[in-house]
Amino acid sequence: MSLEAPEWPMFGLADDMRPAMDAAARAGEAFALATLYAVGAGGPRPPGSQMVVTPRAASGFLSGGCIEADIAVHAAAVIEDGQPLHLVYGEGSPWPDIRLLCGARLDILLERVAPDDAALAALLAATEARRPAVWVTDGRARRLEPMADGDLGAFGVRAAPFELRRTYAPVPRLVVFGSDPIALATASLGAQTGFETTLVRPNGPTAPPPLAGVAYSRASPQAALAETVPDPWTAIAVATHDLEIDHQALAAALPSRAFYVGVVGARRRVAERLARLAAEGVDAAALDRLRAPIGLDLGGKAPWEVAVSVIAEIIAARSGQSIDAAA
């Protein structure tokens, strides 16, 4: 098996490897799971990044295209004999002909995962239930552990004996309220960025919007969020341009566990919005979470430009970056 470099490496657009793992398991195929566990001197991907290689396909990427084909060659051997491999590229590599233009050193664990692997089944079940979990492996045996409270993205490696711990958080979700071009662009871009996205238009048309990967709800803001049950991996963007619906959405969203709540609108209306929410019992801590006006200040006002600013702000919040510093 070899992964020839395609003219357009679309397989590298995937970041979450769980769909590829699930597909392989459903097909009854063993696969090789490559996990980048150490990066020296900078690199395009952080520790914890992964690839899945099956006898027929690959998903994910670990470099700028320098090593993926070579990983697929080693993956074939790992799938065949089940013996894990530790691959080193860059400084200290046994393959000096494979050059890393970034100058990094990349350490990668390549392990075989059977379609009936118990840890894999537990991981897929946790993903379905939106439970964060930790994949623990030495390359030969795997187990899944619950994630500790407050630990939203841990990754770690123990050297001797080798053990890799990689946290899998629930798939991020995005709920967008609205129906204008900004709301449509934000929902569409959110789906393309990897969020499980729902567009909510209370009492909207029966036909869903023609947006790939975007679910649709005609429910009221309260009902839509009650059905979603926002958790710490949920972002909510309110963009209806209807003050009453905006208010209902914010009143339901701000007390929730969503990690991000933002609203489109003029800055001069923010104090008025907050005062009404406070008068109806939304506490100060919840009000402080509101991003208004929504999005990073990138200067653009066109629908796609605003959508980029909103998704960028949500990603910054999810990554723990100071949004105010980024704005």
Protein backbone atom coordinates (compact mmCIF):
# COMPACT_ATOMS: atom_id res chain seq x y z
CA MET A 1 0.00 0.00 0.00
CA SER A 2 1.28 3.47 -0.82
CA LEU A 3 -0.38 6.85 -0.62
CA GLU A 4 0.57 8.70 -3.76
CA ALA A 5 0.53 12.45 -3.41
CA PRO A 6 -2.63 13.61 -5.20
CA GLU A 7 -2.81 16.83 -7.14
CA TRP A 8 -5.16 18.13 -4.46
CA PRO A 9 -4.64 16.58 -1.00
CA MET A 10 -8.26 16.79 0.10
CA PHE A 11 -7.65 14.06 2.71
CA GLY A 12 -5.67 16.63 4.68
CA LEU A 13 -8.69 18.87 5.28
CA ALA A 14 -9.96 16.52 7.97
CA ASP A 15 -8.79 17.33 11.49
CA ASP A 16 -10.98 15.08 13.63
CA MET A 17 -10.08 11.47 12.88
CA ARG A 18 -13.07 9.90 14.60
CA PRO A 19 -15.24 9.85 11.44
CA ALA A 20 -12.46 8.00 9.58
CA MET A 21 -12.05 5.58 12.49
CA ASP A 22 -15.80 4.98 12.54
CA ALA A 23 -15.92 4.41 8.78
CA ALA A 24 -13.10 1.85 8.99
CA ALA A 25 -14.75 0.04 11.89
CA ARG A 26 -18.08 -0.13 10.05
CA ALA A 27 -16.28 -1.52 6.99
CA GLY A 28 -14.60 -4.17 9.16
CA GLU A 29 -11.13 -2.81 8.34
CA ALA A 30 -8.12 -2.53 10.60
CA PHE A 31 -6.36 0.80 10.25
CA ALA A 32 -3.14 2.49 11.25
CA LEU A 33 -3.49 5.45 13.59
CA ALA A 34 -0.59 7.91 13.40
CA THR A 35 -0.28 10.35 16.30
CA LEU A 36 2.21 13.20 16.32
CA TYR A 37 3.47 13.25 19.90
CA ALA A 38 6.51 15.54 19.84
CA VAL A 39 7.47 18.53 17.71
CA GLY A 40 10.90 20.14 17.80
CA ALA A 41 11.90 23.51 16.29
CA GLY A 42 8.38 24.34 15.19
CA GLY A 43 6.08 22.57 12.77
CA PRO A 44 2.77 23.05 10.96
CA ARG A 45 0.82 20.72 13.27
CA PRO A 46 0.71 20.53 17.09
CA PRO A 47 1.28 17.43 19.23
CA GLY A 48 -1.86 15.32 19.26
CA SER A 49 -2.52 15.74 15.54
CA GLN A 50 -3.42 12.48 13.84
CA MET A 51 -3.79 10.58 10.59
CA VAL A 52 -5.82 7.46 9.83
CA VAL A 53 -4.56 5.18 7.08
CA THR A 54 -6.59 2.21 5.83
CA PRO A 55 -5.74 -0.17 2.98
CA ARG A 56 -7.86 2.08 0.74
CA ALA A 57 -7.61 5.66 1.94
CA ALA A 58 -6.04 8.19 4.26
CA SER A 59 -7.39 11.06 6.33
CA GLY A 60 -5.62 13.93 8.08
CA PHE A 61 -2.11 15.33 7.78
CA LEU A 62 0.93 15.76 10.03
CA SER A 63 3.18 18.00 7.93
CA GLY A 64 2.97 20.21 4.89
CA GLY A 65 3.03 17.16 2.64
CA CYS A 66 6.59 16.12 3.40
CA ILE A 67 5.95 12.84 5.20
CA GLU A 68 2.38 11.66 4.54
CA ALA A 69 3.27 9.28 1.70
CA ASP A 70 6.08 7.74 3.76
CA ILE A 71 3.76 7.31 6.74
CA ALA A 72 1.37 5.37 4.47
CA VAL A 73 4.19 2.99 3.52
CA HIS A 74 4.92 2.25 7.19
CA ALA A 75 1.18 2.06 7.90
CA ALA A 76 0.89 -0.89 5.52
CA ALA A 77 3.43 -2.82 7.58
CA VAL A 78 1.76 -1.90 10.87
CA ILE A 79 -1.64 -3.03 9.60
CA GLU A 80 -0.09 -6.29 8.36
CA ASP A 81 1.95 -7.34 11.39
CA GLY A 82 0.38 -5.31 14.21
CA GLN A 83 3.74 -4.09 15.51
CA PRO A 84 3.71 -0.38 16.47
CA LEU A 85 6.35 1.95 15.09
CA HIS A 86 7.94 5.12 16.38
CA LEU A 87 8.83 7.29 13.40
CA VAL A 88 11.20 10.24 13.52
CA TYR A 89 11.43 12.82 10.76
CA GLY A 90 13.85 15.73 10.65
CA GLU A 91 16.77 15.92 13.08
CA GLY A 92 17.78 12.41 14.16
CA SER A 93 15.73 10.71 11.46
CA PRO A 94 17.05 7.55 9.76
CA TRP A 95 15.65 8.93 6.49
CA PRO A 96 17.73 12.05 5.71
CA ASP A 97 16.36 12.09 2.18
CA ILE A 98 12.93 13.09 3.55
CA ARG A 99 13.36 16.79 4.09
CA LEU A 100 11.15 18.90 6.33
CA LEU A 101 11.13 22.39 4.90
CA CYS A 102 9.95 23.79 8.25
CA GLY A 103 13.12 22.48 9.90
CA ALA A 104 11.13 20.65 12.59
CA ARG A 105 11.66 17.26 14.19
CA LEU A 106 8.50 15.17 14.26
CA ASP A 107 8.02 12.11 16.48
CA ILE A 108 5.07 9.91 15.52
CA LEU A 109 3.48 6.80 17.00
CA LEU A 110 1.98 4.47 14.40
CA GLU A 111 -0.31 1.81 15.87
CA ARG A 112 -2.71 -0.78 14.44
CA VAL A 113 -6.32 -0.55 15.57
CA ALA A 114 -8.64 -3.47 14.82
CA PRO A 115 -12.25 -2.77 13.84
CA ASP A 116 -13.44 -4.58 16.99
CA ASP A 117 -10.95 -2.86 19.33
CA ALA A 118 -12.63 -2.24 22.69
CA ALA A 119 -11.06 1.18 23.16
CA LEU A 120 -12.23 2.23 19.69
CA ALA A 121 -15.78 1.11 20.45
CA ALA A 122 -15.70 3.04 23.73
CA LEU A 123 -14.36 6.14 21.97
CA LEU A 124 -17.09 6.07 19.33
CA ALA A 125 -19.74 5.57 22.02
CA ALA A 126 -18.35 8.51 24.01
CA THR A 127 -18.38 10.65 20.87
CA GLU A 128 -22.02 9.78 20.19
CA ALA A 129 -22.92 10.65 23.79
CA ARG A 130 -20.85 13.88 23.72
CA ARG A 131 -18.67 12.70 26.57
CA PRO A 132 -15.02 13.82 26.58
CA ALA A 133 -12.58 10.95 27.01
CA VAL A 134 -8.87 10.16 27.03
CA TRP A 135 -7.29 7.64 24.64
CA VAL A 136 -4.41 5.93 26.46
CA THR A 137 -2.01 3.75 24.48
CA ASP A 138 1.49 2.34 24.45
CA GLY A 139 1.11 1.37 20.80
CA ARG A 140 0.12 -2.22 21.56
CA ALA A 141 -2.75 -1.97 24.02
CA ARG A 142 -5.31 0.79 24.32
CA ARG A 143 -7.91 1.86 26.82
CA LEU A 144 -10.31 4.76 27.17
CA GLU A 145 -10.53 6.78 30.39
CA PRO A 146 -12.97 9.51 31.44
CA MET A 147 -11.60 13.02 31.21
CA ALA A 148 -10.86 14.80 34.46
CA ASP A 149 -13.11 17.72 35.38
CA GLY A 150 -11.87 20.99 33.91
CA ASP A 151 -9.37 19.28 31.61
CA LEU A 152 -10.64 20.35 28.18
CA GLY A 153 -7.75 19.43 25.94
CA ALA A 154 -4.91 17.58 27.60
CA PHE A 155 -2.23 15.79 25.64
CA GLY A 156 0.74 14.10 27.21
CA VAL A 157 3.44 11.48 26.74
CA ARG A 158 5.33 9.44 29.31
CA ALA A 159 8.77 8.40 28.14
CA ALA A 160 9.56 5.24 30.13
CA PRO A 161 7.59 3.13 29.78
CA PHE A 162 6.08 4.90 26.79
CA GLU A 163 2.47 5.93 27.18
CA LEU A 164 0.52 8.44 25.13
CA ARG A 165 -2.60 10.17 26.44
CA ARG A 166 -4.75 12.06 23.96
CA THR A 167 -8.00 13.78 24.90
CA TYR A 168 -10.98 13.66 22.57
CA ALA A 169 -13.51 16.40 23.25
CA PRO A 170 -17.05 16.31 21.88
CA VAL A 171 -17.40 17.60 18.33
CA PRO A 172 -17.84 21.39 18.52
CA ARG A 173 -21.33 22.67 17.79
CA LEU A 174 -22.59 25.98 16.45
CA VAL A 175 -26.14 27.27 16.74
CA VAL A 176 -26.92 30.29 14.56
CA PHE A 177 -30.14 32.25 14.98
CA GLY A 178 -31.22 34.21 11.90
CA SER A 179 -32.09 34.11 8.24
CA ASP A 180 -30.30 37.00 6.54
CA PRO A 181 -27.14 36.63 4.43
CA ILE A 182 -24.88 37.12 7.47
CA ALA A 183 -26.59 34.30 9.34
CA LEU A 184 -26.50 32.05 6.27
CA ALA A 185 -22.82 32.77 5.64
CA THR A 186 -21.95 32.18 9.31
CA ALA A 187 -23.81 28.86 9.40
CA SER A 188 -22.25 27.72 6.13
CA LEU A 189 -18.72 28.65 7.18
CA GLY A 190 -19.22 27.05 10.57
CA ALA A 191 -20.16 23.75 8.94
CA GLN A 192 -17.16 23.95 6.61
CA THR A 193 -14.91 24.59 9.61
CA GLY A 194 -15.99 21.38 11.32
CA PHE A 195 -18.78 22.53 13.63
CA GLU A 196 -22.00 20.53 13.88
CA THR A 197 -24.12 23.47 12.80
CA THR A 198 -27.81 24.26 13.21
CA LEU A 199 -29.56 27.31 11.78
CA VAL A 200 -32.59 28.39 13.79
CA ARG A 201 -35.28 30.54 12.15
CA PRO A 202 -38.35 30.62 14.41
CA ASN A 203 -41.51 30.02 12.36
CA GLY A 204 -39.40 30.03 9.22
CA PRO A 205 -40.25 28.34 5.92
CA THR A 206 -40.75 24.61 5.89
CA ALA A 207 -37.96 24.03 3.39
CA PRO A 208 -34.47 24.10 4.94
CA PRO A 209 -31.82 26.49 3.65
CA PRO A 210 -29.70 25.12 0.77
CA LEU A 211 -26.56 24.91 2.91
CA ALA A 212 -24.48 21.74 2.96
CA GLY A 213 -23.98 20.24 6.40
CA VAL A 214 -26.33 22.66 8.18
CA ALA A 215 -29.32 21.37 10.16
CA TYR A 216 -32.44 23.52 10.37
CA SER A 217 -34.92 24.32 13.13
CA ARG A 218 -38.13 26.35 13.01
CA ALA A 219 -38.54 26.27 16.80
CA SER A 220 -38.59 29.21 19.17
CA PRO A 221 -35.21 30.19 20.65
CA GLN A 222 -36.09 28.61 24.00
CA ALA A 223 -37.27 25.37 22.40
CA ALA A 224 -34.35 25.17 19.99
CA LEU A 225 -31.79 25.51 22.79
CA ALA A 226 -33.71 23.16 25.07
CA GLU A 227 -33.45 20.56 22.33
CA THR A 228 -29.76 21.28 21.70
CA VAL A 229 -28.77 21.36 25.41
CA PRO A 230 -25.71 23.63 24.99
CA ASP A 231 -22.58 22.21 26.59
CA PRO A 232 -19.02 23.58 26.99
CA TRP A 233 -18.34 22.68 23.34
CA THR A 234 -21.28 24.68 21.95
CA ALA A 235 -21.11 28.19 20.44
CA ILE A 236 -24.19 30.34 19.87
CA ALA A 237 -24.38 33.21 17.38
CA VAL A 238 -27.49 35.40 17.40
CA ALA A 239 -28.10 37.29 14.17
CA THR A 240 -31.84 37.71 13.63
CA HIS A 241 -32.06 41.54 13.48
CA ASP A 242 -35.30 41.18 15.43
CA LEU A 243 -34.86 42.67 18.90
CA GLU A 244 -37.48 40.43 20.52
CA ILE A 245 -36.17 37.18 19.03
CA ASP A 246 -32.60 38.27 19.76
CA HIS A 247 -33.62 38.86 23.38
CA GLN A 248 -35.31 35.49 23.70
CA ALA A 249 -32.26 33.76 22.23
CA LEU A 250 -29.84 35.59 24.54
CA ALA A 251 -32.01 34.99 27.61
CA ALA A 252 -31.86 31.26 26.88
CA ALA A 253 -28.22 31.14 25.73
CA LEU A 254 -26.35 33.21 28.31
CA PRO A 255 -27.20 31.07 31.38
CA SER A 256 -26.32 27.91 29.46
CA ARG A 257 -22.99 26.07 29.47
CA ALA A 258 -22.13 27.24 25.94
CA PHE A 259 -18.52 28.44 25.73
CA TYR A 260 -19.42 31.33 23.43
CA VAL A 261 -22.48 33.58 22.98
CA GLY A 262 -22.43 36.53 20.58
CA VAL A 263 -25.01 38.81 18.99
CA VAL A 264 -25.01 40.92 15.83
CA GLY A 265 -26.06 44.53 16.33
CA ALA A 266 -25.03 48.10 16.94
CA ARG A 267 -22.69 48.79 19.84
CA ARG A 268 -25.00 51.53 21.08
CA ARG A 269 -27.71 48.95 21.80
CA VAL A 270 -25.55 46.73 23.98
CA ALA A 271 -26.30 48.53 27.26
CA GLU A 272 -30.02 48.38 26.53
CA ARG A 273 -29.83 44.64 25.81
CA LEU A 274 -27.88 43.94 28.98
CA ALA A 275 -30.19 46.02 31.16
CA ARG A 276 -33.27 44.13 29.97
CA LEU A 277 -31.60 40.76 30.45
CA ALA A 278 -30.48 41.75 33.96
CA ALA A 279 -33.99 42.94 34.82
CA GLU A 280 -35.31 39.51 33.86
CA GLY A 281 -32.88 37.70 36.13
CA VAL A 282 -29.81 36.91 34.00
CA ASP A 283 -26.91 37.22 36.43
CA ALA A 284 -23.84 39.41 35.98
CA ALA A 285 -21.47 36.52 35.30
CA ALA A 286 -23.64 35.34 32.42
CA LEU A 287 -23.98 38.88 31.04
CA ASP A 288 -20.21 39.30 31.08
CA ARG A 289 -19.91 36.40 28.63
CA LEU A 290 -21.81 38.19 25.87
CA ARG A 291 -19.78 39.15 22.79
CA ALA A 292 -21.45 42.23 21.35
CA PRO A 293 -21.01 43.31 18.68
CA ILE A 294 -20.19 39.81 17.50
CA GLY A 295 -16.93 38.88 15.78
CA LEU A 296 -13.34 40.09 15.65
CA ASP A 297 -12.88 43.56 14.22
CA LEU A 298 -11.46 42.69 10.79
CA GLY A 299 -12.94 45.73 9.09
CA GLY A 300 -15.17 43.85 6.64
CA LYS A 301 -18.94 44.31 6.46
CA ALA A 302 -19.97 41.94 3.64
CA PRO A 303 -21.75 38.73 4.74
CA TRP A 304 -18.79 36.41 4.20
CA GLU A 305 -16.42 38.92 5.81
CA VAL A 306 -18.60 39.12 8.91
CA ALA A 307 -18.90 35.33 8.95
CA VAL A 308 -15.11 35.00 8.89
CA SER A 309 -14.85 37.41 11.83
CA VAL A 310 -17.47 35.46 13.81
CA ILE A 311 -15.98 32.03 13.20
CA ALA A 312 -12.49 33.40 13.93
CA GLU A 313 -13.69 34.76 17.27
CA ILE A 314 -15.37 31.46 18.13
CA ILE A 315 -12.20 29.51 17.28
CA ALA A 316 -10.13 31.91 19.40
CA ALA A 317 -12.51 31.41 22.33
CA ARG A 318 -12.45 27.61 21.90
CA SER A 319 -8.65 27.65 21.77
CA GLY A 320 -8.37 29.67 24.96
CA GLN A 321 -6.91 32.70 23.22
CA SER A 322 -7.72 36.11 24.64
CA ILE A 323 -10.43 37.40 22.33
CA ASP A 324 -9.91 40.99 23.37
CA ALA A 325 -6.22 40.74 22.52
CA ALA A 326 -7.07 39.23 19.14
CA ALA A 327 -9.69 41.85 18.26
